[in-house]
Amino acid sequence: GLTVTPYVLGRFERSAAEPTERTTGRGGLDLSYSLTPGLTGVLTANTDFAETEVDTRQINLTRFDLFFPEKRPFFLDGSNLFEFGLGLGQEFLPFYSRRVGLVEHQMEFEAVPIDWGAKILGHAGRLGIAALDLQTGETTVTPRVNLSAGRATYDVTDTFYVGAIATHGDPGGLRSNSLGGVDAGWHSSRIMQDKKLSIGGWAARSSGDRRPGRRDGWGFKVDLPNDLWEAYVRFMQFGDVLDPALGFLPRPGTRWYDFWNAIKPRPKRDGAFAWIRQAFFETGYKQVDDLEGRTESRRLFTAPFNIETESGHHFELNWVPTYEFVDPAGPPFEIAPGVVVTPGGYHFTRYRVEAQSAQSRTWRIGSTIWFGDFYGGRLTQTEAFVNWDVLRGHLHQKLDLENDFGHLPEGDFVQRLFQLQNIFAFSPRLLLFGYFQYDTETRDMGMNARLRFTFRPGNDLFVVWNRNWTHPAGEGRFDLGPESDQVAVKVRFAWTG
């Protein structure tokens, strides 16, 4: 059937840096049509994401880009069909949808308008299909560009598939770029009668305006995801000029060796350890070399004590010897404002203590502490959270706190991050979301408040208020000044025929 979903939007914006206020309005349309029972086509014009939750802030104490998950519903729908390779995780995504409609500018992500787009998602027999083509609008930092991505898989048998992926376009509009890749995977749940085994491999190559070098990447993984014994072996290699302009690759020019092993016994119900539901004895080793064989990172992760109790509580201790090499020829590693780590090799050991209460409780608390040596100095990281549900489940709240205290030869630093989330359900059709965040690096506190009223299924009213306060340097701890306001009112309708 055909579903038509138009919207109208009004937006008010105000900034402390500018004396003027701005009011704008726009409209857009989504068309969704079931081509077959398993295949859907979507057309979109003036795509809007005003009701999407803001990004969760993160503290970055590494020298690599952080991964931010996709939150926009248009891209989340069918995103699993774009998944490529077995167990690549966040080390390499040939297609990373956040490259579309968002651009990083001055350490923040800014929206890029999407003028129109089309996508096809679903299955036709043994064939899985995901295709996307979008035209983005012009901004002060990007020109108009056309971006496309496609993914296909074919189930040769019930346990073996082959697939391919392709992307084209550069979100920044600065160069030509294309990427193609192939992958295959086999899985079985009948090894030794009832054990699981998965084997997968992949290869990818990019083309475009880049310097000469290795443009390809490849890898494989053998995975045993079982309850008593879980293990995997993984190898990956990424060329120094492998360039997924529509993807995510934080460490090009590297070769990865990765191993994980976990023995997870469940004590007898009538024994001395009957209070333990499951224990986890884990060992993991990861090594990252450059393409010349020089080690950049090495990490041994051990969990000599890791249990989940019958009541659902979790307790864990970890010992993590680590090696990191900061390349003198690479960009400066500024771990915190004004603190630049001296190039060279560093051996250090980190320790971790974690405790969390059961998820089934009305109140849930947890804390994680990392401590030990760090790049020639010391670093203590504390994370704590509190979740609670009150008013018979109508109000859910979550408080997250992170504090990092670093003492390095190059200088000391303190990084803090505070986050508070609230969800209040007046009724199944009326929901209020609130999200407050503050971090000491940007010295900015942000509020994202979203009211959603569903007056008929598929027909929604959204009222979104984003407000930011800034904490000027040298001012008191609680002195915050207004920085910007944005209020959006959006009405979305849906007709199905």
Protein backbone atom coordinates (compact mmCIF):
# COMPACT_ATOMS: atom_id res chain seq x y z
CA GLY A 1 0.00 0.00 0.00
CA LEU A 2 0.86 3.68 -0.26
CA THR A 3 1.54 5.86 2.78
CA VAL A 4 1.77 9.65 2.38
CA THR A 5 3.35 11.53 5.29
CA PRO A 6 3.56 15.33 4.92
CA TYR A 7 4.72 17.70 7.64
CA VAL A 8 4.75 21.42 8.40
CA LEU A 9 7.32 23.02 10.68
CA GLY A 10 7.83 26.39 12.32
CA ARG A 11 11.13 27.31 13.98
CA PHE A 12 12.23 30.21 16.20
CA GLU A 13 15.95 30.83 16.80
CA ARG A 14 17.81 33.28 19.00
CA SER A 15 21.53 33.64 19.76
CA ALA A 16 23.25 35.70 22.45
CA ALA A 17 25.98 36.58 19.94
CA GLU A 18 23.48 38.21 17.55
CA PRO A 19 20.87 40.84 18.45
CA THR A 20 18.34 39.58 15.90
CA GLU A 21 15.83 36.76 16.20
CA ARG A 22 14.84 34.52 13.32
CA THR A 23 11.56 32.76 12.57
CA THR A 24 11.31 30.31 9.67
CA GLY A 25 8.84 27.80 8.32
CA ARG A 26 9.00 24.87 5.93
CA GLY A 27 7.20 21.75 4.84
CA GLY A 28 8.11 18.38 3.46
CA LEU A 29 6.80 15.02 2.38
CA ASP A 30 7.57 11.31 2.63
CA LEU A 31 6.00 8.73 0.32
CA SER A 32 6.26 5.04 1.20
CA TYR A 33 5.04 2.29 -1.13
CA SER A 34 5.13 -1.49 -0.70
CA LEU A 35 6.61 -2.66 -4.00
CA THR A 36 6.26 -6.30 -2.89
CA PRO A 37 5.28 -7.86 0.46
CA GLY A 38 8.95 -7.69 1.50
CA LEU A 39 10.24 -4.65 -0.41
CA THR A 40 9.47 -0.99 0.31
CA GLY A 41 10.29 2.14 -1.68
CA VAL A 42 10.49 5.58 -0.04
CA LEU A 43 10.62 9.07 -1.58
CA THR A 44 11.39 12.08 0.58
CA ALA A 45 11.45 15.84 0.01
CA ASN A 46 12.76 18.47 2.45
CA THR A 47 13.53 15.76 4.99
CA ASP A 48 13.42 17.03 8.56
CA PHE A 49 14.76 15.65 11.85
CA ALA A 50 13.63 18.31 14.34
CA GLU A 51 12.16 15.73 16.74
CA THR A 52 15.38 13.65 16.93
CA GLU A 53 17.16 13.48 20.27
CA VAL A 54 20.47 15.36 20.45
CA ASP A 55 23.75 13.46 20.48
CA THR A 56 25.04 12.02 23.73
CA ARG A 57 28.26 13.84 24.58
CA GLN A 58 31.44 11.85 25.13
CA ILE A 59 34.87 12.53 26.61
CA ASN A 60 37.66 11.58 24.22
CA LEU A 61 40.99 10.64 25.83
CA THR A 62 42.25 8.89 22.69
CA ARG A 63 43.87 10.28 19.55
CA PHE A 64 41.14 8.89 17.28
CA ASP A 65 37.65 9.97 16.23
CA LEU A 66 34.74 8.96 18.44
CA PHE A 67 31.78 7.00 17.11
CA PHE A 68 28.33 8.55 17.52
CA PRO A 69 25.33 6.29 16.84
CA GLU A 70 22.63 7.24 14.38
CA LYS A 71 19.42 8.56 15.98
CA ARG A 72 17.41 9.90 13.00
CA PRO A 73 14.41 7.65 12.23
CA PHE A 74 14.72 8.03 8.44
CA PHE A 75 18.19 6.43 8.54
CA LEU A 76 17.48 3.96 11.34
CA ASP A 77 14.70 2.38 9.29
CA GLY A 78 16.38 -0.51 7.46
CA SER A 79 19.86 0.34 8.74
CA ASN A 80 20.53 -3.34 9.50
CA LEU A 81 20.35 -4.05 5.75
CA PHE A 82 23.48 -1.91 5.24
CA GLU A 83 25.54 -3.91 7.75
CA PHE A 84 28.72 -5.22 6.12
CA GLY A 85 31.20 -7.90 7.14
CA LEU A 86 31.23 -10.10 10.22
CA GLY A 87 32.26 -8.41 13.44
CA LEU A 88 33.73 -5.20 12.02
CA GLY A 89 32.06 -3.21 14.78
CA GLN A 90 33.06 0.45 14.89
CA GLU A 91 36.51 -0.13 13.39
CA PHE A 92 35.17 0.18 9.82
CA LEU A 93 31.75 1.05 8.42
CA PRO A 94 31.72 1.40 4.61
CA PHE A 95 28.42 3.29 4.96
CA TYR A 96 27.92 5.48 8.03
CA SER A 97 24.61 7.30 7.67
CA ARG A 98 25.70 10.20 9.88
CA ARG A 99 27.88 11.35 6.99
CA VAL A 100 24.62 12.33 5.27
CA GLY A 101 22.79 15.45 6.45
CA LEU A 102 25.36 16.29 9.13
CA VAL A 103 28.71 18.06 8.92
CA GLU A 104 31.28 18.53 11.67
CA HIS A 105 32.15 22.21 12.08
CA GLN A 106 34.12 23.71 14.98
CA MET A 107 33.87 20.49 17.05
CA GLU A 108 30.06 20.30 16.66
CA PHE A 109 27.73 18.55 14.22
CA GLU A 110 25.58 20.90 12.17
CA ALA A 111 22.57 19.91 10.10
CA VAL A 112 22.80 19.94 6.30
CA PRO A 113 19.41 20.20 4.52
CA ILE A 114 18.30 17.20 2.47
CA ASP A 115 16.40 18.49 -0.57
CA TRP A 116 15.17 15.13 -1.80
CA GLY A 117 15.97 11.46 -1.65
CA ALA A 118 14.89 7.93 -2.46
CA LYS A 119 15.54 4.55 -0.90
CA ILE A 120 14.55 0.92 -1.38
CA LEU A 121 14.70 -1.52 1.51
CA GLY A 122 13.74 -5.12 2.10
CA HIS A 123 13.96 -8.64 0.74
CA ALA A 124 12.91 -10.31 -2.47
CA GLY A 125 13.20 -14.03 -1.91
CA ARG A 126 16.80 -14.80 -0.99
CA LEU A 127 17.96 -11.33 -2.05
CA GLY A 128 18.37 -8.53 0.50
CA ILE A 129 18.39 -4.99 -0.91
CA ALA A 130 19.21 -1.57 0.54
CA ALA A 131 19.70 1.43 -1.77
CA LEU A 132 19.80 5.13 -0.93
CA ASP A 133 20.22 8.25 -3.08
CA LEU A 134 20.04 11.75 -1.58
CA GLN A 135 20.60 15.32 -2.72
CA THR A 136 21.82 17.65 0.04
CA GLY A 137 21.43 21.40 -0.01
CA GLU A 138 24.04 24.12 0.13
CA THR A 139 25.31 25.52 3.44
CA THR A 140 27.99 28.01 4.46
CA VAL A 141 30.53 25.16 4.69
CA THR A 142 29.32 22.62 2.06
CA PRO A 143 28.04 22.84 -1.54
CA ARG A 144 25.10 20.92 -2.99
CA VAL A 145 26.12 17.27 -3.42
CA ASN A 146 24.56 13.99 -4.46
CA LEU A 147 25.28 10.98 -2.25
CA SER A 148 24.37 7.35 -2.80
CA ALA A 149 24.88 3.97 -1.15
CA GLY A 150 23.77 0.47 -2.04
CA ARG A 151 23.98 -2.91 -0.38
CA ALA A 152 22.89 -6.36 -1.60
CA THR A 153 23.10 -9.80 -0.01
CA TYR A 154 22.16 -13.19 -1.39
CA ASP A 155 21.44 -16.25 0.75
CA VAL A 156 23.08 -19.03 -1.25
CA THR A 157 21.87 -21.50 1.38
CA ASP A 158 20.22 -21.15 4.77
CA THR A 159 23.69 -20.89 6.34
CA PHE A 160 25.82 -19.15 3.68
CA TYR A 161 25.49 -15.68 2.15
CA VAL A 162 27.45 -13.42 -0.19
CA GLY A 163 27.11 -9.66 -0.39
CA ALA A 164 28.35 -6.43 -1.90
CA ILE A 165 28.29 -2.75 -0.97
CA ALA A 166 29.00 0.47 -2.87
CA THR A 167 28.99 4.18 -2.01
CA HIS A 168 29.54 7.27 -4.12
CA GLY A 169 30.01 10.92 -3.23
CA ASP A 170 31.79 13.15 -0.75
CA PRO A 171 29.59 14.91 1.84
CA GLY A 172 31.99 17.85 1.87
CA GLY A 173 31.82 18.19 -1.91
CA LEU A 174 35.59 18.63 -2.08
CA ARG A 175 36.65 15.59 -4.09
CA SER A 176 35.42 12.61 -6.05
CA ASN A 177 35.05 9.43 -4.02
CA SER A 178 33.67 5.94 -4.46
CA LEU A 179 33.96 2.74 -2.47
CA GLY A 180 33.12 -0.86 -3.27
CA GLY A 181 33.26 -3.98 -1.14
CA VAL A 182 32.32 -7.65 -1.07
CA ASP A 183 31.75 -9.97 1.87
CA ALA A 184 30.63 -13.51 2.63
CA GLY A 185 29.62 -15.38 5.74
CA TRP A 186 28.76 -18.87 6.91
CA HIS A 187 27.15 -19.85 10.20
CA SER A 188 25.91 -22.99 11.88
CA SER A 189 24.23 -23.81 15.19
CA ARG A 190 24.86 -27.55 14.91
CA ILE A 191 28.58 -27.82 15.52
CA MET A 192 29.09 -30.69 17.97
CA GLN A 193 25.27 -31.05 17.93
CA ASP A 194 24.28 -27.70 19.48
CA LYS A 195 27.26 -25.30 19.31
CA LYS A 196 27.37 -22.13 17.19
CA LEU A 197 30.11 -21.17 14.73
CA SER A 198 30.32 -18.20 12.36
CA ILE A 199 33.01 -17.50 9.75
CA GLY A 200 33.10 -14.35 7.65
CA GLY A 201 35.41 -12.39 5.40
CA TRP A 202 35.35 -9.08 3.55
CA ALA A 203 37.33 -6.88 1.17
CA ALA A 204 36.86 -3.23 0.17
CA ARG A 205 38.55 -0.65 -2.03
CA SER A 206 38.07 3.08 -2.52
CA SER A 207 38.83 5.35 -5.46
CA GLY A 208 39.00 9.09 -5.89
CA ASP A 209 41.22 12.12 -5.46
CA ARG A 210 43.80 10.85 -3.00
CA ARG A 211 47.57 10.52 -2.98
CA PRO A 212 49.12 7.21 -4.13
CA GLY A 213 49.00 4.42 -1.58
CA ARG A 214 47.08 1.35 -0.51
CA ARG A 215 43.41 1.93 -1.21
CA ASP A 216 42.13 -1.47 -0.16
CA GLY A 217 41.26 -3.29 3.03
CA TRP A 218 40.34 -6.83 3.94
CA GLY A 219 39.75 -9.05 6.94
CA PHE A 220 38.10 -12.11 8.41
CA LYS A 221 36.61 -13.34 11.68
CA VAL A 222 35.99 -16.78 13.18
CA ASP A 223 33.42 -16.56 15.98
CA LEU A 224 32.16 -19.10 18.54
CA PRO A 225 29.27 -17.26 20.30
CA ASN A 226 28.26 -19.95 22.79
CA ASP A 227 26.98 -19.81 26.35
CA LEU A 228 29.68 -21.84 28.11
CA TRP A 229 32.61 -21.03 25.85
CA GLU A 230 32.77 -17.90 23.73
CA ALA A 231 35.77 -17.08 21.55
CA TYR A 232 36.74 -15.32 18.36
CA VAL A 233 39.78 -14.59 16.24
CA ARG A 234 39.80 -11.54 13.98
CA PHE A 235 42.21 -9.98 11.50
CA MET A 236 41.76 -6.69 9.64
CA GLN A 237 43.93 -4.55 7.40
CA PHE A 238 43.11 -1.02 6.26
CA GLY A 239 45.13 0.72 3.56
CA ASP A 240 46.71 4.08 4.31
CA VAL A 241 44.54 5.79 1.66
CA LEU A 242 41.44 3.62 2.03
CA ASP A 243 38.98 6.50 2.08
CA PRO A 244 35.30 5.79 2.85
CA ALA A 245 33.97 9.33 2.45
CA LEU A 246 30.49 8.04 3.33
CA GLY A 247 31.81 5.65 5.95
CA PHE A 248 33.68 5.54 9.24
CA LEU A 249 37.33 4.48 9.51
CA PRO A 250 39.16 6.04 12.48
CA ARG A 251 42.50 4.26 11.94
CA PRO A 252 43.51 3.89 8.27
CA GLY A 253 46.94 2.47 7.50
CA THR A 254 46.75 -0.20 10.20
CA ARG A 255 46.75 -3.97 10.61
CA TRP A 256 44.70 -5.51 13.46
CA TYR A 257 45.17 -8.79 15.33
CA ASP A 258 42.34 -9.53 17.73
CA PHE A 259 41.57 -12.52 19.97
CA TRP A 260 38.89 -13.06 22.62
CA ASN A 261 38.20 -16.02 24.90
CA ALA A 262 35.61 -16.36 27.66
CA ILE A 263 34.71 -19.34 29.84
CA LYS A 264 31.23 -18.72 31.30
CA PRO A 265 30.16 -21.47 33.72
CA ARG A 266 26.80 -21.55 35.49
CA PRO A 267 27.13 -23.03 39.01
CA LYS A 268 24.75 -25.75 40.15
CA ARG A 269 21.54 -24.58 41.78
CA ASP A 270 22.16 -26.64 44.93
CA GLY A 271 25.89 -25.98 45.45
CA ALA A 272 27.93 -23.52 47.49
CA PHE A 273 27.87 -21.01 44.61
CA ALA A 274 24.16 -21.24 43.89
CA TRP A 275 23.89 -17.46 44.44
CA ILE A 276 25.93 -16.94 41.24
CA ARG A 277 23.89 -17.14 38.03
CA GLN A 278 26.94 -17.05 35.74
CA ALA A 279 30.66 -16.35 35.97
CA PHE A 280 32.79 -14.91 33.15
CA PHE A 281 36.51 -15.66 32.97
CA GLU A 282 37.62 -13.47 30.07
CA THR A 283 40.88 -12.84 28.24
CA GLY A 284 41.23 -10.61 25.20
CA TYR A 285 44.25 -9.47 23.22
CA LYS A 286 44.31 -6.73 20.60
CA GLN A 287 47.30 -5.46 18.66
CA VAL A 288 47.30 -2.70 16.06
CA ASP A 289 50.36 -2.31 13.81
CA ASP A 290 51.06 0.11 11.00
CA LEU A 291 51.54 -1.31 7.52
CA GLU A 292 55.31 -1.50 8.06
CA GLY A 293 54.87 -3.77 11.09
CA ARG A 294 55.51 -1.21 13.85
CA THR A 295 53.13 -1.65 16.79
CA GLU A 296 50.91 1.37 17.47
CA SER A 297 48.67 -0.15 20.17
CA ARG A 298 48.65 -3.34 22.21
CA ARG A 299 46.16 -4.31 24.92
CA LEU A 300 45.65 -7.39 27.06
CA PHE A 301 42.24 -7.41 28.74
CA THR A 302 41.65 -9.84 31.59
CA ALA A 303 38.69 -10.40 33.90
CA PRO A 304 39.90 -12.57 36.80
CA PHE A 305 36.62 -11.84 38.62
CA ASN A 306 33.36 -11.21 36.77
CA ILE A 307 30.02 -12.54 38.01
CA GLU A 308 26.29 -12.02 37.68
CA THR A 309 24.30 -13.02 40.73
CA GLU A 310 20.94 -14.80 40.75
CA SER A 311 19.29 -11.52 41.68
CA GLY A 312 20.85 -9.82 38.63
CA HIS A 313 23.67 -7.82 40.24
CA HIS A 314 26.98 -7.58 38.38
CA PHE A 315 30.52 -7.31 39.80
CA GLU A 316 33.77 -7.23 37.82
CA LEU A 317 37.52 -6.68 38.26
CA ASN A 318 39.90 -6.15 35.32
CA TRP A 319 43.66 -6.00 34.79
CA VAL A 320 44.66 -4.37 31.48
CA PRO A 321 48.36 -4.06 30.47
CA THR A 322 48.58 -1.58 27.60
CA TYR A 323 51.10 -0.18 25.11
CA GLU A 324 50.59 2.94 23.00
CA PHE A 325 52.96 4.56 20.51
CA VAL A 326 52.50 8.26 19.76
CA ASP A 327 54.10 8.85 16.37
CA PRO A 328 56.38 11.93 16.22
CA ALA A 329 55.45 12.27 12.53
CA GLY A 330 51.72 12.27 13.28
CA PRO A 331 49.48 15.11 14.43
CA PRO A 332 49.97 16.37 18.01
CA PHE A 333 48.09 14.30 20.59
CA GLU A 334 46.32 16.95 22.68
CA ILE A 335 44.62 14.77 25.26
CA ALA A 336 43.05 17.79 27.00
CA PRO A 337 43.16 21.54 26.34
CA GLY A 338 46.79 22.62 26.70
CA VAL A 339 48.09 19.10 27.52
CA VAL A 340 49.98 17.56 24.56
CA VAL A 341 51.41 14.06 25.09
CA THR A 342 55.10 13.77 24.17
CA PRO A 343 55.66 11.44 21.18
CA GLY A 344 57.15 8.03 21.94
CA GLY A 345 56.23 4.59 23.27
CA TYR A 346 54.37 4.11 26.56
CA HIS A 347 53.87 0.92 28.58
CA PHE A 348 51.26 1.22 31.32
CA THR A 349 48.73 -0.89 33.21
CA ARG A 350 45.12 0.05 33.85
CA TYR A 351 42.79 -1.45 36.48
CA ARG A 352 39.00 -1.48 36.48
CA VAL A 353 36.37 -2.08 39.15
CA GLU A 354 32.69 -2.24 38.21
CA ALA A 355 29.48 -2.90 40.12
CA GLN A 356 25.88 -2.64 38.92
CA SER A 357 22.58 -3.50 40.53
CA ALA A 358 19.90 -5.62 38.85
CA GLN A 359 18.02 -4.18 35.88
CA SER A 360 14.70 -5.45 37.20
CA ARG A 361 14.70 -3.07 40.19
CA THR A 362 12.79 0.21 40.35
CA TRP A 363 16.08 1.84 41.31
CA ARG A 364 19.25 0.79 39.52
CA ILE A 365 22.72 2.08 40.35
CA GLY A 366 26.16 1.34 39.01
CA SER A 367 29.72 2.58 39.09
CA THR A 368 32.91 1.96 37.12
CA ILE A 369 36.37 3.09 38.21
CA TRP A 370 39.46 2.95 35.99
CA PHE A 371 42.80 3.76 37.63
CA GLY A 372 46.52 3.21 37.16
CA ASP A 373 49.35 4.47 34.98
CA PHE A 374 48.64 6.40 31.79
CA TYR A 375 51.09 7.84 29.23
CA GLY A 376 53.92 8.32 31.72
CA GLY A 377 51.61 9.63 34.44
CA ARG A 378 48.41 8.64 36.21
CA LEU A 379 44.73 8.71 35.28
CA THR A 380 41.67 8.00 37.41
CA GLN A 381 38.28 7.76 35.69
CA THR A 382 35.04 7.41 37.61
CA GLU A 383 31.66 6.76 36.03
CA ALA A 384 28.42 6.39 37.95
CA PHE A 385 24.77 6.18 37.02
CA VAL A 386 21.39 6.07 38.73
CA ASN A 387 18.21 4.88 36.97
CA TRP A 388 14.85 5.07 38.63
CA ASP A 389 11.19 4.63 37.69
CA VAL A 390 8.51 6.30 39.78
CA LEU A 391 4.80 7.08 39.53
CA ARG A 392 4.04 3.50 38.52
CA GLY A 393 6.42 3.68 35.59
CA HIS A 394 5.11 6.99 34.20
CA LEU A 395 8.39 8.77 35.04
CA HIS A 396 11.78 7.33 34.09
CA GLN A 397 14.97 9.19 35.00
CA LYS A 398 18.64 8.48 34.46
CA LEU A 399 21.62 10.39 35.85
CA ASP A 400 25.13 9.77 34.45
CA LEU A 401 28.31 11.27 35.91
CA GLU A 402 31.87 10.97 34.59
CA ASN A 403 34.99 12.49 36.15
CA ASP A 404 38.51 12.06 34.75
CA PHE A 405 41.55 13.19 36.74
CA GLY A 406 44.82 13.12 34.79
CA HIS A 407 48.32 13.80 36.09
CA LEU A 408 50.81 13.66 33.22
CA PRO A 409 54.38 15.00 32.88
CA GLU A 410 53.03 17.52 30.35
CA GLY A 411 50.37 18.82 32.73
CA ASP A 412 47.33 17.98 34.83
CA PHE A 413 43.73 18.01 33.64
CA VAL A 414 40.21 17.37 34.90
CA GLN A 415 37.38 16.44 32.54
CA ARG A 416 33.78 16.17 33.75
CA LEU A 417 30.55 15.15 32.06
CA PHE A 418 27.07 15.31 33.60
CA GLN A 419 23.92 13.99 31.90
CA LEU A 420 20.31 13.79 33.09
CA GLN A 421 17.54 12.15 31.05
CA ASN A 422 13.83 12.24 31.88
CA ILE A 423 10.88 10.57 30.20
CA PHE A 424 7.40 11.38 31.50
CA ALA A 425 4.47 9.45 30.03
CA PHE A 426 1.28 11.39 30.72
CA SER A 427 -0.43 8.70 28.64
CA PRO A 428 0.59 6.34 25.82
CA ARG A 429 -0.14 9.19 23.38
CA LEU A 430 1.49 12.09 25.26
CA LEU A 431 5.19 11.89 26.12
CA LEU A 432 7.66 14.47 27.43
CA PHE A 433 11.41 13.91 27.01
CA GLY A 434 14.11 15.98 28.71
CA TYR A 435 17.87 15.75 28.29
CA PHE A 436 20.41 17.95 30.10
CA GLN A 437 24.17 17.72 29.44
CA TYR A 438 27.22 19.63 30.67
CA ASP A 439 30.91 19.03 30.05
CA THR A 440 33.92 21.00 31.22
CA GLU A 441 35.77 20.88 27.88
CA THR A 442 33.20 22.93 25.94
CA ARG A 443 31.99 24.65 29.14
CA ASP A 444 28.52 24.38 27.65
CA MET A 445 25.28 23.12 29.18
CA GLY A 446 22.61 21.98 26.77
CA MET A 447 18.93 21.18 27.22
CA ASN A 448 16.85 19.19 24.74
CA ALA A 449 13.14 19.10 25.65
CA ARG A 450 10.71 17.26 23.35
CA LEU A 451 6.94 16.93 23.68
CA ARG A 452 5.21 14.36 21.45
CA PHE A 453 1.43 14.10 21.16
CA THR A 454 0.00 11.36 18.93
CA PHE A 455 -3.54 12.49 18.15
CA ARG A 456 -4.06 9.56 15.75
CA PRO A 457 -1.78 6.65 14.84
CA GLY A 458 0.88 8.07 12.52
CA ASN A 459 -0.27 11.67 13.18
CA ASP A 460 1.93 13.54 15.64
CA LEU A 461 2.55 16.96 17.10
CA PHE A 462 6.12 17.70 18.22
CA VAL A 463 7.26 20.68 20.27
CA VAL A 464 11.05 20.81 20.64
CA TRP A 465 13.04 23.31 22.71
CA ASN A 466 16.84 23.35 22.54
CA ARG A 467 18.63 25.77 24.86
CA ASN A 468 22.33 26.22 25.54
CA TRP A 469 24.13 28.01 28.34
CA THR A 470 27.84 28.80 28.43
CA HIS A 471 30.14 28.87 31.45
CA PRO A 472 32.70 31.66 30.83
CA ALA A 473 36.28 30.92 31.88
CA GLY A 474 37.18 32.44 35.21
CA GLU A 475 33.58 32.73 36.40
CA GLY A 476 32.10 30.97 39.40
CA ARG A 477 31.21 27.30 39.26
CA PHE A 478 27.50 27.91 38.80
CA ASP A 479 27.67 31.09 36.68
CA LEU A 480 25.99 30.21 33.38
CA GLY A 481 24.97 32.66 30.70
CA PRO A 482 22.43 32.05 27.92
CA GLU A 483 24.03 31.19 24.58
CA SER A 484 21.23 30.16 22.21
CA ASP A 485 17.58 29.14 22.00
CA GLN A 486 15.74 27.17 19.35
CA VAL A 487 12.06 26.23 19.46
CA ALA A 488 10.46 24.07 16.77
CA VAL A 489 6.81 23.08 16.34
CA LYS A 490 6.17 20.27 13.88
CA VAL A 491 2.96 18.56 12.81
CA ARG A 492 3.15 15.29 10.89
CA PHE A 493 0.21 13.55 9.22
CA ALA A 494 -0.08 10.13 7.60
CA TRP A 495 -2.56 8.79 5.07
CA THR A 496 -2.56 5.16 4.02
CA GLY A 497 -4.28 3.77 0.99
